[in-house]
N, C-alpha and C. Protein backbone atom coordinates (compact mmCIF):
# COMPACT_ATOMS: atom_id res chain seq x y z
N MET A 1 19.67 13.20 11.25
CA MET A 1 20.01 11.96 12.50
C MET A 1 18.82 12.05 13.39
N ASN A 2 18.77 10.99 14.29
CA ASN A 2 17.58 10.93 15.25
C ASN A 2 18.35 10.63 16.20
N ARG A 3 17.51 11.20 17.33
CA ARG A 3 18.02 10.60 18.61
C ARG A 3 17.40 9.73 19.49
N ASP A 4 17.83 8.69 19.55
CA ASP A 4 17.25 7.21 20.35
C ASP A 4 17.92 6.90 21.44
N ASN A 5 17.48 7.14 22.80
CA ASN A 5 18.50 6.44 23.49
C ASN A 5 19.91 6.78 23.54
N GLY A 6 20.31 8.45 23.18
CA GLY A 6 21.19 9.16 23.48
C GLY A 6 22.10 8.52 22.29
N GLN A 7 21.86 8.01 21.22
CA GLN A 7 22.62 7.01 20.51
C GLN A 7 21.99 7.86 18.63
N ASP A 8 23.02 8.21 17.99
CA ASP A 8 22.81 8.84 16.56
C ASP A 8 22.74 7.57 15.78
N LYS A 9 21.48 7.38 15.09
CA LYS A 9 21.24 7.24 14.08
C LYS A 9 20.91 7.53 12.53
N PRO A 10 21.30 7.22 11.40
CA PRO A 10 20.86 7.96 10.47
C PRO A 10 19.39 7.31 9.90
N THR A 11 18.58 8.63 9.00
CA THR A 11 17.43 8.39 8.75
C THR A 11 17.33 7.70 7.46
N ARG A 12 16.70 6.62 7.66
CA ARG A 12 16.46 6.19 6.52
C ARG A 12 15.64 6.81 5.30
N LYS A 13 16.32 7.13 3.88
CA LYS A 13 15.91 8.02 3.14
C LYS A 13 14.83 6.93 2.27
N PHE A 14 14.19 7.31 2.22
CA PHE A 14 12.75 6.83 1.39
C PHE A 14 13.03 7.13 -0.14
N ARG A 15 13.03 5.67 -0.84
CA ARG A 15 13.61 5.65 -2.33
C ARG A 15 12.15 5.71 -3.32
N TYR A 16 11.21 5.85 -2.75
CA TYR A 16 9.92 6.05 -4.18
C TYR A 16 9.91 4.67 -5.00
N LEU A 17 9.81 4.67 -5.69
CA LEU A 17 9.64 3.65 -6.86
C LEU A 17 10.92 2.91 -6.95
N LEU A 18 11.97 3.15 -6.22
CA LEU A 18 12.86 2.56 -6.33
C LEU A 18 13.06 1.45 -4.78
N ASP A 19 11.67 2.05 -4.26
CA ASP A 19 11.74 1.04 -2.77
C ASP A 19 11.41 -0.14 -3.01
N PRO A 20 12.57 -1.04 -2.27
CA PRO A 20 12.29 -2.76 -2.26
C PRO A 20 11.06 -3.06 -2.03
N LEU A 21 10.04 -2.63 -1.16
CA LEU A 21 9.01 -3.33 -0.93
C LEU A 21 8.06 -2.77 -2.30
N PHE A 22 8.05 -1.52 -3.09
CA PHE A 22 7.39 -1.37 -3.59
C PHE A 22 7.55 -2.29 -4.71
N LEU A 23 8.57 -2.60 -5.21
CA LEU A 23 9.51 -3.24 -6.25
C LEU A 23 8.50 -4.99 -5.90
N ALA A 24 9.05 -4.94 -4.76
CA ALA A 24 8.48 -6.54 -4.35
C ALA A 24 6.82 -6.64 -4.69
N CYS A 25 6.03 -5.41 -4.13
CA CYS A 25 4.60 -5.59 -5.00
C CYS A 25 4.50 -5.45 -6.07
N VAL A 26 5.08 -4.98 -7.06
CA VAL A 26 5.01 -4.76 -8.64
C VAL A 26 5.24 -6.10 -8.85
N GLY A 27 6.33 -7.01 -8.63
CA GLY A 27 6.68 -8.25 -9.11
C GLY A 27 5.62 -8.96 -8.61
N LEU A 28 5.05 -9.30 -7.28
CA LEU A 28 3.87 -9.94 -7.20
C LEU A 28 2.76 -9.61 -7.63
N TYR A 29 2.47 -8.76 -7.89
CA TYR A 29 1.37 -8.24 -8.76
C TYR A 29 1.37 -8.92 -10.44
N PHE A 30 2.45 -8.88 -10.76
CA PHE A 30 2.46 -9.26 -12.24
C PHE A 30 3.08 -10.86 -12.11
N LEU A 31 3.67 -11.46 -10.95
CA LEU A 31 3.46 -13.03 -10.45
C LEU A 31 2.25 -13.55 -10.39
N ASN A 32 1.30 -12.89 -9.70
CA ASN A 32 0.23 -13.28 -9.47
C ASN A 32 -0.78 -13.08 -10.47
N ARG A 33 -0.90 -12.16 -11.67
CA ARG A 33 -1.65 -12.05 -12.86
C ARG A 33 -1.56 -13.04 -13.93
N LEU A 34 0.14 -13.09 -13.97
CA LEU A 34 0.25 -13.81 -15.23
C LEU A 34 0.33 -15.20 -14.80
N VAL A 35 0.57 -15.72 -13.35
CA VAL A 35 1.39 -17.21 -13.22
C VAL A 35 0.22 -17.79 -12.32
N ILE A 36 0.20 -17.21 -11.17
CA ILE A 36 -0.49 -17.60 -10.15
C ILE A 36 -1.79 -17.80 -10.30
N LYS A 37 -3.09 -16.85 -10.29
CA LYS A 37 -4.48 -16.96 -10.90
C LYS A 37 -4.92 -17.71 -11.83
N PRO A 38 -3.70 -17.77 -12.94
CA PRO A 38 -4.38 -18.93 -14.14
C PRO A 38 -4.05 -20.33 -13.70
N ASN A 39 -3.34 -20.51 -12.58
CA ASN A 39 -2.87 -21.76 -12.48
C ASN A 39 -3.18 -22.38 -11.33
N CYS A 40 -3.93 -21.47 -10.64
CA CYS A 40 -4.47 -22.17 -9.06
C CYS A 40 -5.82 -21.11 -8.78
N ASP A 41 -6.39 -22.39 -7.94
CA ASP A 41 -8.09 -21.74 -7.80
C ASP A 41 -7.74 -21.41 -6.14
N ALA A 42 -6.89 -20.88 -5.60
CA ALA A 42 -7.08 -20.68 -4.18
C ALA A 42 -7.38 -19.15 -3.90
N TYR A 43 -8.35 -19.43 -3.31
CA TYR A 43 -9.34 -17.59 -2.91
C TYR A 43 -8.53 -16.78 -3.15
N PHE A 44 -7.59 -17.03 -1.99
CA PHE A 44 -6.56 -15.63 -1.50
C PHE A 44 -6.19 -14.87 -2.93
N PHE A 45 -5.86 -15.85 -3.83
CA PHE A 45 -4.81 -14.98 -5.01
C PHE A 45 -5.87 -14.33 -5.43
N HIS A 46 -6.88 -14.87 -5.72
CA HIS A 46 -7.78 -14.44 -6.67
C HIS A 46 -8.78 -13.00 -5.56
N ALA A 47 -8.87 -13.42 -4.48
CA ALA A 47 -9.28 -12.15 -3.77
C ALA A 47 -9.10 -10.98 -3.13
N TRP A 48 -8.16 -11.81 -2.57
CA TRP A 48 -7.30 -10.72 -1.13
C TRP A 48 -5.77 -10.28 -1.85
N LEU A 49 -4.67 -10.75 -2.67
CA LEU A 49 -3.37 -10.48 -2.32
C LEU A 49 -3.27 -9.33 -3.22
N ASN A 50 -4.33 -8.81 -4.29
CA ASN A 50 -3.90 -7.39 -4.56
C ASN A 50 -4.25 -6.85 -3.67
N ASP A 51 -5.19 -7.00 -2.60
CA ASP A 51 -5.77 -5.56 -1.77
C ASP A 51 -4.40 -5.86 -0.72
N LEU A 52 -3.88 -6.97 -0.43
CA LEU A 52 -2.60 -6.51 0.91
C LEU A 52 -1.68 -5.79 0.00
N ILE A 53 -1.24 -6.12 -1.14
CA ILE A 53 -0.08 -5.12 -1.63
C ILE A 53 -0.59 -3.70 -2.32
N CYS A 54 -1.95 -3.41 -1.99
CA CYS A 54 -2.30 -2.11 -2.33
C CYS A 54 -1.74 -1.23 -1.94
N ILE A 55 -1.50 -1.05 -0.33
CA ILE A 55 -0.92 0.21 0.06
C ILE A 55 0.53 0.39 -0.04
N PRO A 56 1.44 -0.62 0.15
CA PRO A 56 2.39 -0.54 -0.52
C PRO A 56 3.00 -0.57 -1.93
N PHE A 57 2.10 -0.64 -2.80
CA PHE A 57 2.08 -0.42 -4.14
C PHE A 57 1.76 1.10 -4.45
N TRP A 58 0.61 1.54 -4.04
CA TRP A 58 0.07 2.73 -4.35
C TRP A 58 0.99 3.52 -3.63
N VAL A 59 0.96 3.79 -2.17
CA VAL A 59 1.61 5.02 -1.47
C VAL A 59 3.03 5.76 -2.37
N PRO A 60 4.05 4.95 -2.39
CA PRO A 60 5.30 5.07 -3.17
C PRO A 60 4.86 5.94 -4.25
N ILE A 61 4.11 5.67 -5.24
CA ILE A 61 3.51 6.25 -6.27
C ILE A 61 3.09 7.67 -6.19
N MET A 62 1.92 7.54 -5.14
CA MET A 62 1.45 8.62 -4.78
C MET A 62 2.48 9.87 -4.05
N LEU A 63 3.14 9.36 -3.24
CA LEU A 63 4.51 10.08 -2.57
C LEU A 63 5.30 10.62 -4.01
N ALA A 64 5.84 10.05 -4.45
CA ALA A 64 6.56 10.23 -5.90
C ALA A 64 6.14 11.32 -6.45
N GLY A 65 4.66 10.99 -6.83
CA GLY A 65 4.01 12.23 -7.41
C GLY A 65 3.68 13.76 -6.69
N MET A 66 3.59 13.38 -5.07
CA MET A 66 3.58 14.85 -4.58
C MET A 66 5.33 15.11 -4.08
N ARG A 67 6.11 14.43 -4.21
CA ARG A 67 7.51 15.08 -4.51
C ARG A 67 7.53 15.75 -5.55
N LEU A 68 7.59 15.00 -6.64
CA LEU A 68 7.52 15.80 -7.84
C LEU A 68 6.68 17.19 -8.27
N PHE A 69 5.82 17.20 -7.50
CA PHE A 69 4.95 18.75 -7.22
C PHE A 69 5.28 19.33 -6.29
N ARG A 70 6.49 19.01 -5.46
CA ARG A 70 6.61 19.52 -4.38
C ARG A 70 5.91 19.85 -3.04
N LEU A 71 4.64 19.17 -3.11
CA LEU A 71 3.97 18.91 -1.91
C LEU A 71 4.29 18.21 -0.99
N ARG A 72 5.41 17.46 -1.41
CA ARG A 72 6.14 16.75 0.18
C ARG A 72 7.62 17.28 -0.25
N ARG A 73 7.98 17.82 0.77
CA ARG A 73 9.25 18.46 0.83
C ARG A 73 10.56 17.52 1.40
N HIS A 74 10.39 16.54 1.78
CA HIS A 74 11.70 15.74 2.52
C HIS A 74 11.61 14.21 1.80
N ASP A 75 12.58 13.75 2.25
CA ASP A 75 12.36 11.99 1.63
C ASP A 75 12.43 11.18 2.66
N ASN A 76 11.84 11.29 3.57
CA ASN A 76 11.98 10.46 4.94
C ASN A 76 10.59 9.52 4.62
N PRO A 77 10.89 8.21 5.27
CA PRO A 77 9.73 7.38 4.90
C PRO A 77 8.28 7.89 5.04
N PRO A 78 7.58 7.22 4.72
CA PRO A 78 6.08 7.41 4.65
C PRO A 78 5.77 7.40 6.30
N THR A 79 4.83 8.56 6.84
CA THR A 79 4.29 8.65 8.16
C THR A 79 2.99 7.94 8.04
N VAL A 80 2.71 7.74 9.25
CA VAL A 80 1.33 7.35 9.67
C VAL A 80 -0.10 7.93 8.81
N ALA A 81 0.32 9.29 8.52
CA ALA A 81 -1.03 10.08 8.17
C ALA A 81 -0.59 9.54 6.60
N GLU A 82 0.45 9.61 5.96
CA GLU A 82 0.74 8.84 4.61
C GLU A 82 0.24 7.90 4.22
N ILE A 83 0.25 6.91 5.35
CA ILE A 83 -0.32 5.59 4.94
C ILE A 83 -1.90 5.63 5.47
N GLY A 84 -2.14 6.18 6.25
CA GLY A 84 -3.40 5.94 7.50
C GLY A 84 -4.35 6.72 6.00
N ILE A 85 -4.12 7.88 5.66
CA ILE A 85 -5.02 8.68 4.86
C ILE A 85 -5.77 8.07 3.48
N PRO A 86 -4.85 7.57 2.62
CA PRO A 86 -4.98 6.71 1.69
C PRO A 86 -5.70 5.21 2.00
N LEU A 87 -5.53 4.49 3.07
CA LEU A 87 -6.05 3.37 3.91
C LEU A 87 -7.98 3.92 4.14
N ILE A 88 -7.84 4.96 4.72
CA ILE A 88 -9.38 4.88 4.93
C ILE A 88 -9.78 5.65 3.57
N LEU A 89 -9.40 6.42 3.14
CA LEU A 89 -10.05 6.96 1.60
C LEU A 89 -10.21 5.71 0.63
N TRP A 90 -9.37 4.84 0.43
CA TRP A 90 -9.41 3.75 -0.62
C TRP A 90 -10.38 2.58 0.23
N SER A 91 -10.46 2.50 1.39
CA SER A 91 -11.70 1.45 1.80
C SER A 91 -13.04 2.14 1.65
N TYR A 92 -13.03 2.96 1.91
CA TYR A 92 -14.29 3.91 1.96
C TYR A 92 -14.79 3.92 0.46
N TRP A 93 -14.03 4.47 -0.56
CA TRP A 93 -14.29 4.18 -2.05
C TRP A 93 -14.56 3.15 -2.66
N PHE A 94 -13.68 2.29 -2.42
CA PHE A 94 -14.01 0.62 -2.78
C PHE A 94 -14.91 -0.12 -2.25
N GLU A 95 -14.93 -0.04 -1.06
CA GLU A 95 -16.03 -1.14 -0.25
C GLU A 95 -16.95 -0.59 0.52
N ILE A 96 -17.21 0.81 0.27
CA ILE A 96 -18.68 1.50 0.83
C ILE A 96 -19.19 2.19 -0.41
N TYR A 97 -18.61 3.14 -0.92
CA TYR A 97 -19.06 4.23 -2.02
C TYR A 97 -19.58 3.51 -3.18
N LEU A 98 -18.53 2.82 -3.83
CA LEU A 98 -18.52 2.14 -5.35
C LEU A 98 -19.80 0.90 -5.01
N PRO A 99 -19.85 -0.11 -4.15
CA PRO A 99 -20.55 -1.29 -4.36
C PRO A 99 -22.04 -0.56 -4.19
N ASN A 100 -22.35 0.67 -3.42
CA ASN A 100 -23.76 1.29 -3.69
C ASN A 100 -24.14 2.37 -4.65
N LEU A 101 -23.05 2.35 -5.57
CA LEU A 101 -23.57 3.17 -6.86
C LEU A 101 -24.46 2.39 -7.84
N ALA A 102 -25.76 2.56 -8.08
CA ALA A 102 -26.33 1.81 -8.62
C ALA A 102 -26.06 1.27 -10.29
N THR A 103 -25.21 2.07 -10.76
CA THR A 103 -24.58 1.65 -12.23
C THR A 103 -23.55 0.72 -11.83
N LEU A 104 -22.93 0.36 -10.23
CA LEU A 104 -21.88 -0.36 -10.34
C LEU A 104 -22.58 -1.64 -9.81
N GLU A 105 -23.74 -1.53 -9.37
CA GLU A 105 -23.87 -2.60 -8.22
C GLU A 105 -23.80 -4.20 -8.75
N HIS A 106 -23.56 -4.68 -9.82
CA HIS A 106 -23.36 -5.87 -10.39
C HIS A 106 -21.83 -6.31 -10.95
N ARG A 107 -21.31 -5.15 -10.64
CA ARG A 107 -19.64 -5.08 -11.06
C ARG A 107 -18.90 -5.24 -9.90
N HIS A 108 -19.57 -4.40 -8.78
CA HIS A 108 -18.40 -4.37 -7.62
C HIS A 108 -19.35 -4.59 -6.40
N TYR A 109 -18.10 -5.37 -5.34
CA TYR A 109 -19.34 -6.23 -4.27
C TYR A 109 -18.48 -5.44 -3.08
N ALA A 110 -19.24 -5.46 -2.25
CA ALA A 110 -18.06 -4.84 -0.60
C ALA A 110 -17.82 -5.91 -0.36
N ASP A 111 -16.68 -6.01 -0.09
CA ASP A 111 -16.10 -7.20 1.07
C ASP A 111 -15.19 -6.70 2.03
N PRO A 112 -15.84 -7.04 3.68
CA PRO A 112 -15.05 -6.35 4.77
C PRO A 112 -13.75 -6.97 4.86
N TRP A 113 -13.39 -8.17 4.13
CA TRP A 113 -12.15 -8.39 4.39
C TRP A 113 -11.47 -8.17 3.59
N ASP A 114 -11.25 -7.26 2.44
CA ASP A 114 -10.67 -6.43 1.57
C ASP A 114 -10.16 -5.81 2.45
N ILE A 115 -11.22 -4.78 3.59
CA ILE A 115 -10.47 -3.79 4.39
C ILE A 115 -9.12 -4.32 5.08
N VAL A 116 -9.29 -5.51 6.11
CA VAL A 116 -8.52 -6.46 6.42
C VAL A 116 -7.84 -6.30 5.66
N ALA A 117 -7.68 -6.63 4.42
CA ALA A 117 -6.51 -6.95 3.71
C ALA A 117 -5.57 -5.45 3.59
N TYR A 118 -6.42 -4.59 2.93
CA TYR A 118 -5.58 -3.60 3.01
C TYR A 118 -4.84 -3.09 4.21
N THR A 119 -5.76 -3.06 5.55
CA THR A 119 -4.89 -2.54 6.65
C THR A 119 -3.63 -3.46 7.30
N ALA A 120 -3.83 -4.65 6.86
CA ALA A 120 -2.42 -5.55 6.95
C ALA A 120 -1.29 -5.17 6.24
N GLY A 121 -1.78 -4.84 4.68
CA GLY A 121 -0.84 -4.30 4.03
C GLY A 121 -0.02 -3.26 4.84
N ALA A 122 -1.01 -2.39 4.86
CA ALA A 122 -0.39 -0.61 5.08
C ALA A 122 0.08 -0.80 6.86
N ILE A 123 -0.16 -1.97 7.65
CA ILE A 123 0.78 -2.03 9.29
C ILE A 123 2.04 -2.37 8.71
N PHE A 124 2.13 -3.35 7.73
CA PHE A 124 3.13 -4.35 7.34
C PHE A 124 4.14 -3.02 6.56
N ALA A 125 3.62 -2.16 5.80
CA ALA A 125 4.08 -1.28 5.11
C ALA A 125 5.00 -0.35 5.95
N TRP A 126 4.00 0.09 6.63
CA TRP A 126 4.75 1.12 8.09
C TRP A 126 5.83 0.89 9.01
N PHE A 127 5.83 -0.79 8.92
CA PHE A 127 6.73 -1.36 10.01
C PHE A 127 8.29 -1.40 9.06
N PHE A 128 7.79 -1.89 7.73
CA PHE A 128 8.93 -2.13 6.83
C PHE A 128 9.79 -0.67 6.50
N TRP A 129 8.95 0.15 6.33
CA TRP A 129 9.20 1.62 5.84
C TRP A 129 10.22 2.57 7.07
N ASN A 130 9.83 2.04 8.14
CA ASN A 130 10.10 2.41 9.31
C ASN A 130 11.25 2.04 10.32
N ARG A 131 11.52 1.02 9.42
CA ARG A 131 12.57 0.14 10.78
C ARG A 131 13.97 0.57 10.65
N ARG A 132 14.24 0.41 11.77
CA ARG A 132 15.84 0.88 11.88
C ARG A 132 17.15 0.73 10.96
N VAL A 133 17.84 1.42 10.91
CA VAL A 133 18.95 1.03 9.91
C VAL A 133 19.90 -0.07 10.62
């Protein structure tokens, strides 16, 4: 139980791969890949939608693996660190490191707007996962 203004409120249990936001992101990914992209030229769907859902898609998978291997010993919603560390690492890896590798210079391009999309998805996910019951 959490103490908030003297009132008891139950802690929301994180559902990992059954989390509604994760499941919505899985559905949105396939909808975008199979239906929207082939039929729509809007740049957002081709460039940033997957980046927007990146954190709410991958963090539950990461935390489920950590829980399975007993590296995560609770079922509380993801913390700021559990969301922020992947955000920072993936932003660096995909938008700074990989685009600067000589072997990938023509395949992978840095786009600062990708980091904006990762961050927006992370902020939304944190608020969603940590909302009051």
